[in-house]
PDB file of N, CA and C in Angstrom:
ATOM      1  N   MET A   1     -18.146  63.288  15.927  1.00  0.00           N
ATOM      2  CA  MET A   1     -18.053  64.672  16.892  1.00  0.00           C
ATOM      3  C   MET A   1     -17.130  65.903  16.251  1.00  0.00           C
ATOM      4  N   ARG A   2     -16.060  65.524  15.031  1.00  0.00           N
ATOM      5  CA  ARG A   2     -15.271  66.349  14.793  1.00  0.00           C
ATOM      6  C   ARG A   2     -16.177  67.347  13.854  1.00  0.00           C
ATOM      7  N   THR A   3     -17.363  66.951  13.462  1.00  0.00           N
ATOM      8  CA  THR A   3     -18.327  67.745  12.615  1.00  0.00           C
ATOM      9  C   THR A   3     -19.027  68.312  13.417  1.00  0.00           C
ATOM     10  N   LEU A   4     -19.544  68.133  14.377  1.00  0.00           N
ATOM     11  CA  LEU A   4     -20.263  68.777  15.280  1.00  0.00           C
ATOM     12  C   LEU A   4     -19.620  69.888  15.947  1.00  0.00           C
ATOM     13  N   TRP A   5     -18.309  69.620  16.220  1.00  0.00           N
ATOM     14  CA  TRP A   5     -17.646  71.014  16.560  1.00  0.00           C
ATOM     15  C   TRP A   5     -17.367  71.897  15.514  1.00  0.00           C
ATOM     16  N   ARG A   6     -17.221  71.379  14.122  1.00  0.00           N
ATOM     17  CA  ARG A   6     -17.119  72.103  13.277  1.00  0.00           C
ATOM     18  C   ARG A   6     -18.162  73.120  12.818  1.00  0.00           C
ATOM     19  N   GLU A   7     -19.128  72.607  13.208  1.00  0.00           N
ATOM     20  CA  GLU A   7     -20.365  73.267  12.642  1.00  0.00           C
ATOM     21  C   GLU A   7     -20.500  74.689  13.493  1.00  0.00           C
ATOM     22  N   HIS A   8     -20.119  74.575  15.124  1.00  0.00           N
ATOM     23  CA  HIS A   8     -20.096  75.530  15.862  1.00  0.00           C
ATOM     24  C   HIS A   8     -19.042  76.478  15.713  1.00  0.00           C
ATOM     25  N   LEU A   9     -17.871  76.028  14.988  1.00  0.00           N
ATOM     26  CA  LEU A   9     -17.021  76.950  14.848  1.00  0.00           C
ATOM     27  C   LEU A   9     -16.727  77.874  13.393  1.00  0.00           C
ATOM     28  N   GLY A  10     -18.178  77.367  12.854  1.00  0.00           N
ATOM     29  CA  GLY A  10     -18.463  78.467  11.623  1.00  0.00           C
ATOM     30  C   GLY A  10     -18.447  77.635  10.218  1.00  0.00           C
ATOM     31  N   ALA A  11     -18.610  76.485  10.154  1.00  0.00           N
ATOM     32  CA  ALA A  11     -18.764  75.887   8.860  1.00  0.00           C
ATOM     33  C   ALA A  11     -19.637  76.274   8.047  1.00  0.00           C
ATOM     34  N   PRO A  12     -19.480  76.656   6.637  1.00  0.00           N
ATOM     35  CA  PRO A  12     -20.720  76.956   5.896  1.00  0.00           C
ATOM     36  C   PRO A  12     -21.921  76.118   6.048  1.00  0.00           C
ATOM     37  N   LYS A  13     -22.862  76.517   5.953  1.00  0.00           N
ATOM     38  CA  LYS A  13     -24.243  76.002   5.779  1.00  0.00           C
ATOM     39  C   LYS A  13     -24.697  75.717   4.352  1.00  0.00           C
ATOM     40  N   LEU A  14     -25.005  74.324   4.541  1.00  0.00           N
ATOM     41  CA  LEU A  14     -25.795  73.927   3.263  1.00  0.00           C
ATOM     42  C   LEU A  14     -27.224  73.739   3.835  1.00  0.00           C
ATOM     43  N   ILE A  15     -28.195  74.302   3.214  1.00  0.00           N
ATOM     44  CA  ILE A  15     -29.742  74.038   3.226  1.00  0.00           C
ATOM     45  C   ILE A  15     -30.336  73.503   2.399  1.00  0.00           C
ATOM     46  N   TYR A  16     -31.088  72.388   2.849  1.00  0.00           N
ATOM     47  CA  TYR A  16     -32.269  71.676   1.702  1.00  0.00           C
ATOM     48  C   TYR A  16     -33.498  72.263   2.035  1.00  0.00           C
ATOM     49  N   ASP A  17     -34.345  72.462   0.995  1.00  0.00           N
ATOM     50  CA  ASP A  17     -35.601  72.544   1.380  1.00  0.00           C
ATOM     51  C   ASP A  17     -36.566  71.671   1.110  1.00  0.00           C
ATOM     52  N   CYS A  18     -37.153  70.944   2.211  1.00  0.00           N
ATOM     53  CA  CYS A  18     -37.939  69.770   2.179  1.00  0.00           C
ATOM     54  C   CYS A  18     -39.513  70.036   2.231  1.00  0.00           C
ATOM     55  N   SER A  19     -39.611  71.449   1.837  1.00  0.00           N
ATOM     56  CA  SER A  19     -41.019  72.067   2.059  1.00  0.00           C
ATOM     57  C   SER A  19     -41.887  71.370   0.935  1.00  0.00           C
ATOM     58  N   TYR A  20     -41.303  70.678   0.173  1.00  0.00           N
ATOM     59  CA  TYR A  20     -41.999  70.167  -1.426  1.00  0.00           C
ATOM     60  C   TYR A  20     -42.347  69.310  -1.055  1.00  0.00           C
ATOM     61  N   SER A  21     -42.327  68.271  -0.141  1.00  0.00           N
ATOM     62  CA  SER A  21     -42.385  67.101   0.108  1.00  0.00           C
ATOM     63  C   SER A  21     -44.284  66.653  -0.541  1.00  0.00           C
ATOM     64  N   HIS A  22     -45.156  67.523   0.051  1.00  0.00           N
ATOM     65  CA  HIS A  22     -46.384  67.339   0.265  1.00  0.00           C
ATOM     66  C   HIS A  22     -47.015  67.313  -1.393  1.00  0.00           C
ATOM     67  N   TYR A  23     -46.218  67.730  -2.489  1.00  0.00           N
ATOM     68  CA  TYR A  23     -46.417  67.928  -3.981  1.00  0.00           C
ATOM     69  C   TYR A  23     -45.939  66.635  -4.505  1.00  0.00           C
ATOM     70  N   MET A  24     -45.204  66.009  -3.706  1.00  0.00           N
ATOM     71  CA  MET A  24     -44.561  64.441  -4.376  1.00  0.00           C
ATOM     72  C   MET A  24     -45.502  63.098  -3.813  1.00  0.00           C
ATOM     73  N   MET A  25     -45.278  62.271  -4.837  1.00  0.00           N
ATOM     74  CA  MET A  25     -45.889  60.735  -4.803  1.00  0.00           C
ATOM     75  C   MET A  25     -44.875  60.493  -3.962  1.00  0.00           C
ATOM     76  N   ARG A  26     -45.824  59.074  -3.445  1.00  0.00           N
ATOM     77  CA  ARG A  26     -44.897  58.216  -2.142  1.00  0.00           C
ATOM     78  C   ARG A  26     -43.436  57.848  -3.168  1.00  0.00           C
ATOM     79  N   ARG A  27     -43.297  57.568  -4.137  1.00  0.00           N
ATOM     80  CA  ARG A  27     -41.758  56.999  -4.743  1.00  0.00           C
ATOM     81  C   ARG A  27     -41.019  58.348  -4.542  1.00  0.00           C
ATOM     82  N   GLU A  28     -41.857  59.419  -5.203  1.00  0.00           N
ATOM     83  CA  GLU A  28     -40.736  60.634  -4.937  1.00  0.00           C
ATOM     84  C   GLU A  28     -40.087  61.000  -3.555  1.00  0.00           C
ATOM     85  N   ASN A  29     -41.114  60.748  -2.831  1.00  0.00           N
ATOM     86  CA  ASN A  29     -40.543  60.996  -1.226  1.00  0.00           C
ATOM     87  C   ASN A  29     -39.535  60.018  -0.479  1.00  0.00           C
ATOM     88  N   LYS A  30     -39.599  58.976  -1.029  1.00  0.00           N
ATOM     89  CA  LYS A  30     -38.543  57.768  -0.813  1.00  0.00           C
ATOM     90  C   LYS A  30     -37.385  57.873  -1.545  1.00  0.00           C
ATOM     91  N   ASP A  31     -37.486  58.127  -2.701  1.00  0.00           N
ATOM     92  CA  ASP A  31     -36.180  58.936  -3.521  1.00  0.00           C
ATOM     93  C   ASP A  31     -35.405  59.974  -3.072  1.00  0.00           C
ATOM     94  N   ALA A  32     -36.477  60.892  -2.684  1.00  0.00           N
ATOM     95  CA  ALA A  32     -35.919  62.273  -2.001  1.00  0.00           C
ATOM     96  C   ALA A  32     -35.177  61.973  -0.713  1.00  0.00           C
ATOM     97  N   ALA A  33     -35.710  61.162   0.137  1.00  0.00           N
ATOM     98  CA  ALA A  33     -35.240  60.718   1.113  1.00  0.00           C
ATOM     99  C   ALA A  33     -33.808  59.899   1.391  1.00  0.00           C
ATOM    100  N   GLN A  34     -33.576  59.192   0.143  1.00  0.00           N
ATOM    101  CA  GLN A  34     -32.558  58.404   0.008  1.00  0.00           C
ATOM    102  C   GLN A  34     -31.505  59.522  -0.481  1.00  0.00           C
ATOM    103  N   GLN A  35     -31.939  60.533  -1.194  1.00  0.00           N
ATOM    104  CA  GLN A  35     -30.835  61.600  -1.820  1.00  0.00           C
ATOM    105  C   GLN A  35     -30.703  62.036  -0.481  1.00  0.00           C
ATOM    106  N   LEU A  36     -31.190  62.702   0.417  1.00  0.00           N
ATOM    107  CA  LEU A  36     -30.648  63.276   1.299  1.00  0.00           C
ATOM    108  C   LEU A  36     -29.941  62.579   2.343  1.00  0.00           C
ATOM    109  N   ALA A  37     -30.225  61.360   2.754  1.00  0.00           N
ATOM    110  CA  ALA A  37     -29.334  60.679   3.451  1.00  0.00           C
ATOM    111  C   ALA A  37     -28.133  60.022   2.604  1.00  0.00           C
ATOM    112  N   ILE A  38     -27.850  60.212   1.295  1.00  0.00           N
ATOM    113  CA  ILE A  38     -26.705  60.305   0.764  1.00  0.00           C
ATOM    114  C   ILE A  38     -25.782  61.212   0.988  1.00  0.00           C
ATOM    115  N   ALA A  39     -26.592  62.405   0.801  1.00  0.00           N
ATOM    116  CA  ALA A  39     -25.735  63.792   1.063  1.00  0.00           C
ATOM    117  C   ALA A  39     -24.925  64.126   2.613  1.00  0.00           C
ATOM    118  N   PHE A  40     -26.259  63.402   3.527  1.00  0.00           N
ATOM    119  CA  PHE A  40     -25.708  63.459   5.081  1.00  0.00           C
ATOM    120  C   PHE A  40     -24.563  62.328   5.066  1.00  0.00           C
ATOM    121  N   ARG A  41     -24.555  61.328   4.794  1.00  0.00           N
ATOM    122  CA  ARG A  41     -23.537  60.357   4.782  1.00  0.00           C
ATOM    123  C   ARG A  41     -22.062  60.865   4.006  1.00  0.00           C
ATOM    124  N   ASN A  42     -22.350  61.306   3.019  1.00  0.00           N
ATOM    125  CA  ASN A  42     -21.055  62.054   2.288  1.00  0.00           C
ATOM    126  C   ASN A  42     -20.354  63.261   2.901  1.00  0.00           C
ATOM    127  N   ASN A  43     -21.183  64.121   3.129  1.00  0.00           N
ATOM    128  CA  ASN A  43     -20.699  65.383   4.163  1.00  0.00           C
ATOM    129  C   ASN A  43     -20.153  64.824   5.348  1.00  0.00           C
ATOM    130  N   ARG A  44     -20.461  63.790   6.154  1.00  0.00           N
ATOM    131  CA  ARG A  44     -20.024  63.271   7.236  1.00  0.00           C
ATOM    132  C   ARG A  44     -18.888  62.589   7.067  1.00  0.00           C
ATOM    133  N   ARG A  45     -18.381  62.147   6.237  1.00  0.00           N
ATOM    134  CA  ARG A  45     -17.265  61.757   5.648  1.00  0.00           C
ATOM    135  C   ARG A  45     -16.240  62.344   5.251  1.00  0.00           C
ATOM    136  N   HIS A  46     -16.745  63.934   4.969  1.00  0.00           N
ATOM    137  CA  HIS A  46     -15.897  64.859   4.218  1.00  0.00           C
ATOM    138  C   HIS A  46     -14.931  65.485   5.313  1.00  0.00           C
ATOM    139  N   LEU A  47     -13.422  66.036   4.614  1.00  0.00           N
ATOM    140  CA  LEU A  47     -12.725  66.313   5.781  1.00  0.00           C
ATOM    141  C   LEU A  47     -13.143  67.939   6.339  1.00  0.00           C
ATOM    142  N   GLN A  48     -13.719  68.477   5.367  1.00  0.00           N
ATOM    143  CA  GLN A  48     -14.140  69.911   5.763  1.00  0.00           C
ATOM    144  C   GLN A  48     -15.579  69.964   5.563  1.00  0.00           C
ATOM    145  N   PRO A  49     -16.654  69.329   6.512  1.00  0.00           N
ATOM    146  CA  PRO A  49     -18.192  69.222   6.087  1.00  0.00           C
ATOM    147  C   PRO A  49     -18.763  70.358   6.151  1.00  0.00           C
ATOM    148  N   TYR A  50     -19.706  70.554   5.185  1.00  0.00           N
ATOM    149  CA  TYR A  50     -20.727  71.673   5.884  1.00  0.00           C
ATOM    150  C   TYR A  50     -21.650  71.366   6.802  1.00  0.00           C
ATOM    151  N   ALA A  51     -22.265  72.546   7.414  1.00  0.00           N
ATOM    152  CA  ALA A  51     -23.286  72.426   8.617  1.00  0.00           C
ATOM    153  C   ALA A  51     -24.791  71.874   7.628  1.00  0.00           C
ATOM    154  N   LEU A  52     -25.173  70.984   7.519  1.00  0.00           N
ATOM    155  CA  LEU A  52     -26.255  70.635   7.155  1.00  0.00           C
ATOM    156  C   LEU A  52     -27.723  70.749   7.793  1.00  0.00           C
ATOM    157  N   ASN A  53     -28.481  71.521   7.067  1.00  0.00           N
ATOM    158  CA  ASN A  53     -29.648  71.834   7.490  1.00  0.00           C
ATOM    159  C   ASN A  53     -30.985  71.547   6.612  1.00  0.00           C
ATOM    160  N   PHE A  54     -31.948  70.533   7.165  1.00  0.00           N
ATOM    161  CA  PHE A  54     -33.055  70.538   6.175  1.00  0.00           C
ATOM    162  C   PHE A  54     -34.275  71.242   7.043  1.00  0.00           C
ATOM    163  N   CYS A  55     -34.426  72.097   6.039  1.00  0.00           N
ATOM    164  CA  CYS A  55     -35.450  72.993   6.567  1.00  0.00           C
ATOM    165  C   CYS A  55     -37.031  72.762   5.890  1.00  0.00           C
ATOM    166  N   GLY A  56     -38.058  73.210   6.642  1.00  0.00           N
ATOM    167  CA  GLY A  56     -39.254  73.001   5.934  1.00  0.00           C
ATOM    168  C   GLY A  56     -39.974  71.601   6.101  1.00  0.00           C
ATOM    169  N   MET A  57     -38.946  71.124   6.983  1.00  0.00           N
ATOM    170  CA  MET A  57     -39.356  69.430   7.233  1.00  0.00           C
ATOM    171  C   MET A  57     -40.886  69.199   8.207  1.00  0.00           C
ATOM    172  N   ASP A  58     -41.711  68.845   7.447  1.00  0.00           N
ATOM    173  CA  ASP A  58     -42.972  68.454   8.069  1.00  0.00           C
ATOM    174  C   ASP A  58     -42.722  66.871   8.630  1.00  0.00           C
ATOM    175  N   LYS A  59     -42.974  66.943  10.049  1.00  0.00           N
ATOM    176  CA  LYS A  59     -42.669  66.013  10.592  1.00  0.00           C
ATOM    177  C   LYS A  59     -44.014  64.663  10.815  1.00  0.00           C
ATOM    178  N   GLN A  60     -45.066  65.166   9.971  1.00  0.00           N
ATOM    179  CA  GLN A  60     -46.136  64.301   9.758  1.00  0.00           C
ATOM    180  C   GLN A  60     -46.218  63.788   8.052  1.00  0.00           C
ATOM    181  N   SER A  61     -44.957  64.032   7.255  1.00  0.00           N
ATOM    182  CA  SER A  61     -45.078  63.945   5.863  1.00  0.00           C
ATOM    183  C   SER A  61     -44.536  62.602   5.615  1.00  0.00           C
ATOM    184  N   MET A  62     -44.398  62.353   4.540  1.00  0.00           N
ATOM    185  CA  MET A  62     -43.947  60.736   3.725  1.00  0.00           C
ATOM    186  C   MET A  62     -42.562  61.124   3.493  1.00  0.00           C
ATOM    187  N   LEU A  63     -41.748  62.079   3.571  1.00  0.00           N
ATOM    188  CA  LEU A  63     -40.582  62.646   3.506  1.00  0.00           C
ATOM    189  C   LEU A  63     -40.213  62.312   4.683  1.00  0.00           C
ATOM    190  N   TRP A  64     -40.746  62.773   5.831  1.00  0.00           N
ATOM    191  CA  TRP A  64     -40.228  62.630   7.239  1.00  0.00           C
ATOM    192  C   TRP A  64     -40.024  61.048   7.323  1.00  0.00           C
ATOM    193  N   SER A  65     -40.978  60.555   7.224  1.00  0.00           N
ATOM    194  CA  SER A  65     -40.962  58.919   7.469  1.00  0.00           C
ATOM    195  C   SER A  65     -40.205  58.355   6.719  1.00  0.00           C
ATOM    196  N   SER A  66     -39.692  58.399   5.494  1.00  0.00           N
ATOM    197  CA  SER A  66     -38.985  57.867   4.761  1.00  0.00           C
ATOM    198  C   SER A  66     -37.462  58.351   5.004  1.00  0.00           C
ATOM    199  N   LEU A  67     -37.347  59.328   5.540  1.00  0.00           N
ATOM    200  CA  LEU A  67     -36.067  59.713   6.211  1.00  0.00           C
ATOM    201  C   LEU A  67     -35.519  59.053   7.557  1.00  0.00           C
ATOM    202  N   LEU A  68     -36.358  59.206   8.043  1.00  0.00           N
ATOM    203  CA  LEU A  68     -36.558  57.871   9.399  1.00  0.00           C
ATOM    204  C   LEU A  68     -35.867  56.673   9.451  1.00  0.00           C
ATOM    205  N   LYS A  69     -36.058  56.143   7.789  1.00  0.00           N
ATOM    206  CA  LYS A  69     -35.791  54.627   7.320  1.00  0.00           C
ATOM    207  C   LYS A  69     -34.430  54.750   7.122  1.00  0.00           C
ATOM    208  N   GLU A  70     -33.985  55.840   6.622  1.00  0.00           N
ATOM    209  CA  GLU A  70     -32.622  55.949   5.824  1.00  0.00           C
ATOM    210  C   GLU A  70     -31.700  56.384   6.727  1.00  0.00           C
ATOM    211  N   ILE A  71     -31.935  57.141   8.148  1.00  0.00           N
ATOM    212  CA  ILE A  71     -31.127  57.521   9.061  1.00  0.00           C
ATOM    213  C   ILE A  71     -31.707  57.450  10.453  1.00  0.00           C
ATOM    214  N   PRO A  72     -32.269  56.158  10.746  1.00  0.00           N
ATOM    215  CA  PRO A  72     -33.157  55.739  12.110  1.00  0.00           C
ATOM    216  C   PRO A  72     -32.518  56.709  13.230  1.00  0.00           C
ATOM    217  N   THR A  73     -31.163  56.880  13.307  1.00  0.00           N
ATOM    218  CA  THR A  73     -30.640  57.681  14.798  1.00  0.00           C
ATOM    219  C   THR A  73     -31.083  59.110  14.651  1.00  0.00           C
ATOM    220  N   ILE A  74     -31.439  59.898  13.394  1.00  0.00           N
ATOM    221  CA  ILE A  74     -31.497  61.052  13.217  1.00  0.00           C
ATOM    222  C   ILE A  74     -32.524  61.699  14.674  1.00  0.00           C
ATOM    223  N   ILE A  75     -33.526  60.824  15.238  1.00  0.00           N
ATOM    224  CA  ILE A  75     -33.742  61.366  16.492  1.00  0.00           C
ATOM    225  C   ILE A  75     -33.653  61.221  17.954  1.00  0.00           C
ATOM    226  N   THR A  76     -32.387  59.966  17.648  1.00  0.00           N
ATOM    227  CA  THR A  76     -31.754  59.677  19.004  1.00  0.00           C
ATOM    228  C   THR A  76     -30.625  59.847  19.536  1.00  0.00           C
ATOM    229  N   LYS A  77     -29.700  60.358  18.209  1.00  0.00           N
ATOM    230  CA  LYS A  77     -28.413  60.726  18.422  1.00  0.00           C
ATOM    231  C   LYS A  77     -28.045  62.269  18.244  1.00  0.00           C
ATOM    232  N   PRO A  78     -27.042  63.094  18.782  1.00  0.00           N
ATOM    233  CA  PRO A  78     -26.521  63.937  18.148  1.00  0.00           C
ATOM    234  C   PRO A  78     -25.767  63.966  17.008  1.00  0.00           C
ATOM    235  N   LEU A  79     -26.585  64.442  15.979  1.00  0.00           N
ATOM    236  CA  LEU A  79     -26.018  64.404  14.525  1.00  0.00           C
ATOM    237  C   LEU A  79     -25.289  65.642  13.799  1.00  0.00           C
ATOM    238  N   PRO A  80     -24.470  65.510  12.855  1.00  0.00           N
ATOM    239  CA  PRO A  80     -24.089  66.764  12.379  1.00  0.00           C
ATOM    240  C   PRO A  80     -25.090  67.501  11.585  1.00  0.00           C
ATOM    241  N   LEU A  81     -26.104  67.470  12.081  1.00  0.00           N
ATOM    242  CA  LEU A  81     -27.400  67.850  11.052  1.00  0.00           C
ATOM    243  C   LEU A  81     -28.733  68.484  11.845  1.00  0.00           C
ATOM    244  N   ARG A  82     -29.115  69.629  11.573  1.00  0.00           N
ATOM    245  CA  ARG A  82     -30.090  70.217  11.979  1.00  0.00           C
ATOM    246  C   ARG A  82     -31.703  70.105  11.105  1.00  0.00           C
ATOM    247  N   ILE A  83     -32.636  69.791  11.910  1.00  0.00           N
ATOM    248  CA  ILE A  83     -33.655  69.444  10.938  1.00  0.00           C
ATOM    249  C   ILE A  83     -34.419  70.720  11.727  1.00  0.00           C
ATOM    250  N   HIS A  84     -34.972  71.436  10.825  1.00  0.00           N
ATOM    251  CA  HIS A  84     -36.095  72.633  10.905  1.00  0.00           C
ATOM    252  C   HIS A  84     -37.475  72.552  10.278  1.00  0.00           C
ATOM    253  N   GLU A  85     -38.525  72.602  11.349  1.00  0.00           N
ATOM    254  CA  GLU A  85     -39.670  72.663  10.329  1.00  0.00           C
ATOM    255  C   GLU A  85     -39.837  74.079   9.880  1.00  0.00           C
ATOM    256  N   ALA A  86     -39.437  75.148  10.193  1.00  0.00           N
ATOM    257  CA  ALA A  86     -39.428  76.266   9.557  1.00  0.00           C
ATOM    258  C   ALA A  86     -38.869  76.277   8.309  1.00  0.00           C
ATOM    259  N   ASP A  87     -39.473  77.164   7.405  1.00  0.00           N
ATOM    260  CA  ASP A  87     -38.732  77.466   6.103  1.00  0.00           C
ATOM    261  C   ASP A  87     -37.452  77.866   5.942  1.00  0.00           C
ATOM    262  N   ALA A  88     -36.575  77.625   5.188  1.00  0.00           N
ATOM    263  CA  ALA A  88     -35.074  78.631   5.389  1.00  0.00           C
ATOM    264  C   ALA A  88     -34.963  80.374   5.574  1.00  0.00           C
ATOM    265  N   SER A  89     -36.112  80.476   4.740  1.00  0.00           N
ATOM    266  CA  SER A  89     -36.369  82.129   5.111  1.00  0.00           C
ATOM    267  C   SER A  89     -36.549  82.623   6.302  1.00  0.00           C
ATOM    268  N   GLU A  90     -37.227  81.652   7.168  1.00  0.00           N
ATOM    269  CA  GLU A  90     -37.471  81.743   8.447  1.00  0.00           C
ATOM    270  C   GLU A  90     -36.511  81.525   9.257  1.00  0.00           C
ATOM    271  N   ALA A  91     -35.559  80.347   9.318  1.00  0.00           N
ATOM    272  CA  ALA A  91     -34.701  79.877   9.808  1.00  0.00           C
ATOM    273  C   ALA A  91     -33.349  80.682   9.800  1.00  0.00           C
ATOM    274  N   PHE A  92     -33.215  81.517   8.661  1.00  0.00           N
ATOM    275  CA  PHE A  92     -31.759  82.161   8.665  1.00  0.00           C
ATOM    276  C   PHE A  92     -32.153  83.244   7.760  1.00  0.00           C
ATOM    277  N   PRO A  93     -31.237  84.343   8.131  1.00  0.00           N
ATOM    278  CA  PRO A  93     -31.575  85.447   7.366  1.00  0.00           C
ATOM    279  C   PRO A  93     -31.619  85.712   6.041  1.00  0.00           C
ATOM    280  N   LYS A  94     -32.502  86.137   5.178  1.00  0.00           N
ATOM    281  CA  LYS A  94     -32.823  86.235   4.019  1.00  0.00           C
ATOM    282  C   LYS A  94     -31.884  86.496   3.334  1.00  0.00           C
ATOM    283  N   GLU A  95     -31.221  87.682   3.733  1.00  0.00           N
ATOM    284  CA  GLU A  95     -30.514  88.383   3.155  1.00  0.00           C
ATOM    285  C   GLU A  95     -28.953  87.659   2.731  1.00  0.00           C
ATOM    286  N   LYS A  96     -28.705  86.467   3.373  1.00  0.00           N
ATOM    287  CA  LYS A  96     -27.568  85.494   3.558  1.00  0.00           C
ATOM    288  C   LYS A  96     -27.833  84.240   2.755  1.00  0.00           C
ATOM    289  N   LEU A  97     -29.078  84.212   2.081  1.00  0.00           N
ATOM    290  CA  LEU A  97     -29.341  82.670   1.591  1.00  0.00           C
ATOM    291  C   LEU A  97     -29.086  82.865  -0.061  1.00  0.00           C
ATOM    292  N   VAL A  98     -28.551  81.616  -0.588  1.00  0.00           N
ATOM    293  CA  VAL A  98     -28.217  81.566  -1.966  1.00  0.00           C
ATOM    294  C   VAL A  98     -28.997  80.579  -2.388  1.00  0.00           C
ATOM    295  N   ILE A  99     -29.971  80.836  -3.387  1.00  0.00           N
ATOM    296  CA  ILE A  99     -30.971  79.506  -3.561  1.00  0.00           C
ATOM    297  C   ILE A  99     -30.217  79.398  -5.028  1.00  0.00           C
ATOM    298  N   LEU A 100     -29.579  77.747  -5.229  1.00  0.00           N
ATOM    299  CA  LEU A 100     -29.335  77.205  -6.267  1.00  0.00           C
ATOM    300  C   LEU A 100     -30.449  76.051  -6.960  1.00  0.00           C
ATOM    301  N   THR A 101     -30.748  76.527  -8.120  1.00  0.00           N
ATOM    302  CA  THR A 101     -31.517  76.022  -9.135  1.00  0.00           C
ATOM    303  C   THR A 101     -31.485  75.905 -10.353  1.00  0.00           C
ATOM    304  N   PRO A 102     -31.643  74.942 -10.828  1.00  0.00           N
ATOM    305  CA  PRO A 102     -31.170  74.574 -12.374  1.00  0.00           C
ATOM    306  C   PRO A 102     -32.257  75.790 -13.369  1.00  0.00           C
ATOM    307  N   ASP A 103     -33.103  76.501 -13.090  1.00  0.00           N
ATOM    308  CA  ASP A 103     -34.288  77.299 -13.515  1.00  0.00           C
ATOM    309  C   ASP A 103     -33.767  78.293 -13.708  1.00  0.00           C
ATOM    310  N   SER A 104     -32.561  78.800 -12.621  1.00  0.00           N
ATOM    311  CA  SER A 104     -32.178  80.333 -12.763  1.00  0.00           C
ATOM    312  C   SER A 104     -31.322  80.642 -13.727  1.00  0.00           C
ATOM    313  N   PRO A 105     -31.582  81.732 -14.417  1.00  0.00           N
ATOM    314  CA  PRO A 105     -30.641  82.294 -15.769  1.00  0.00           C
ATOM    315  C   PRO A 105     -29.267  82.561 -14.957  1.00  0.00           C
ATOM    316  N   ASN A 106     -29.091  83.111 -13.911  1.00  0.00           N
ATOM    317  CA  ASN A 106     -27.946  83.783 -12.938  1.00  0.00           C
ATOM    318  C   ASN A 106     -26.923  82.418 -12.589  1.00  0.00           C
ATOM    319  N   VAL A 107     -25.432  82.914 -12.963  1.00  0.00           N
ATOM    320  CA  VAL A 107     -24.609  81.899 -12.683  1.00  0.00           C
ATOM    321  C   VAL A 107     -23.928  82.443 -11.153  1.00  0.00           C
ATOM    322  N   LEU A 108     -23.561  81.478 -10.164  1.00  0.00           N
ATOM    323  CA  LEU A 108     -22.695  81.841  -9.128  1.00  0.00           C
ATOM    324  C   LEU A 108     -21.094  81.482  -9.456  1.00  0.00           C
ATOM    325  N   ARG A 109     -20.740  82.890  -9.414  1.00  0.00           N
ATOM    326  CA  ARG A 109     -19.804  83.072  -9.697  1.00  0.00           C
ATOM    327  C   ARG A 109     -18.580  82.671  -8.782  1.00  0.00           C
ATOM    328  N   GLU A 110     -19.282  83.287  -7.685  1.00  0.00           N
ATOM    329  CA  GLU A 110     -18.072  83.491  -6.314  1.00  0.00           C
ATOM    330  C   GLU A 110     -18.833  82.861  -5.246  1.00  0.00           C
ATOM    331  N   TYR A 111     -18.288  82.412  -4.171  1.00  0.00           N
ATOM    332  CA  TYR A 111     -18.655  81.879  -3.235  1.00  0.00           C
ATOM    333  C   TYR A 111     -18.409  82.629  -2.026  1.00  0.00           C
ATOM    334  N   ASN A 112     -19.142  82.937  -1.100  1.00  0.00           N
ATOM    335  CA  ASN A 112     -18.662  83.546   0.238  1.00  0.00           C
ATOM    336  C   ASN A 112     -19.184  82.473   1.586  1.00  0.00           C
ATOM    337  N   ASN A 113     -18.422  82.028   2.210  1.00  0.00           N
ATOM    338  CA  ASN A 113     -18.977  81.301   3.508  1.00  0.00           C
ATOM    339  C   ASN A 113     -19.784  81.772   4.295  1.00  0.00           C
ATOM    340  N   ASP A 114     -20.274  83.167   4.595  1.00  0.00           N
ATOM    341  CA  ASP A 114     -20.802  83.734   5.340  1.00  0.00           C
ATOM    342  C   ASP A 114     -22.395  83.923   4.252  1.00  0.00           C
TER     343      ASP A 114
END
């Protein structure tokens, strides 16, 4: 519950883009679901957790069905995690998004919670 309240009190948001799942094979979707579940569990245990958001989640996808196996309570309990079917750019103000990718030549040198 501490995490749920922290999210409402302005915890920094961490957004995972899940819209890529239809490009992946079954095994890749399963691996991605396991990685998302690990991020979720580690975040829950952290003293200052992020407000986790999984965006672009197609609830008909293999990623979603694999994620349900990893976190079965995702649809039955209030968790410190928000699932968005919309893309991140639709769910959040575009001007506040910072996209981290290993393909970028830019280096993130400063971080602003906003």
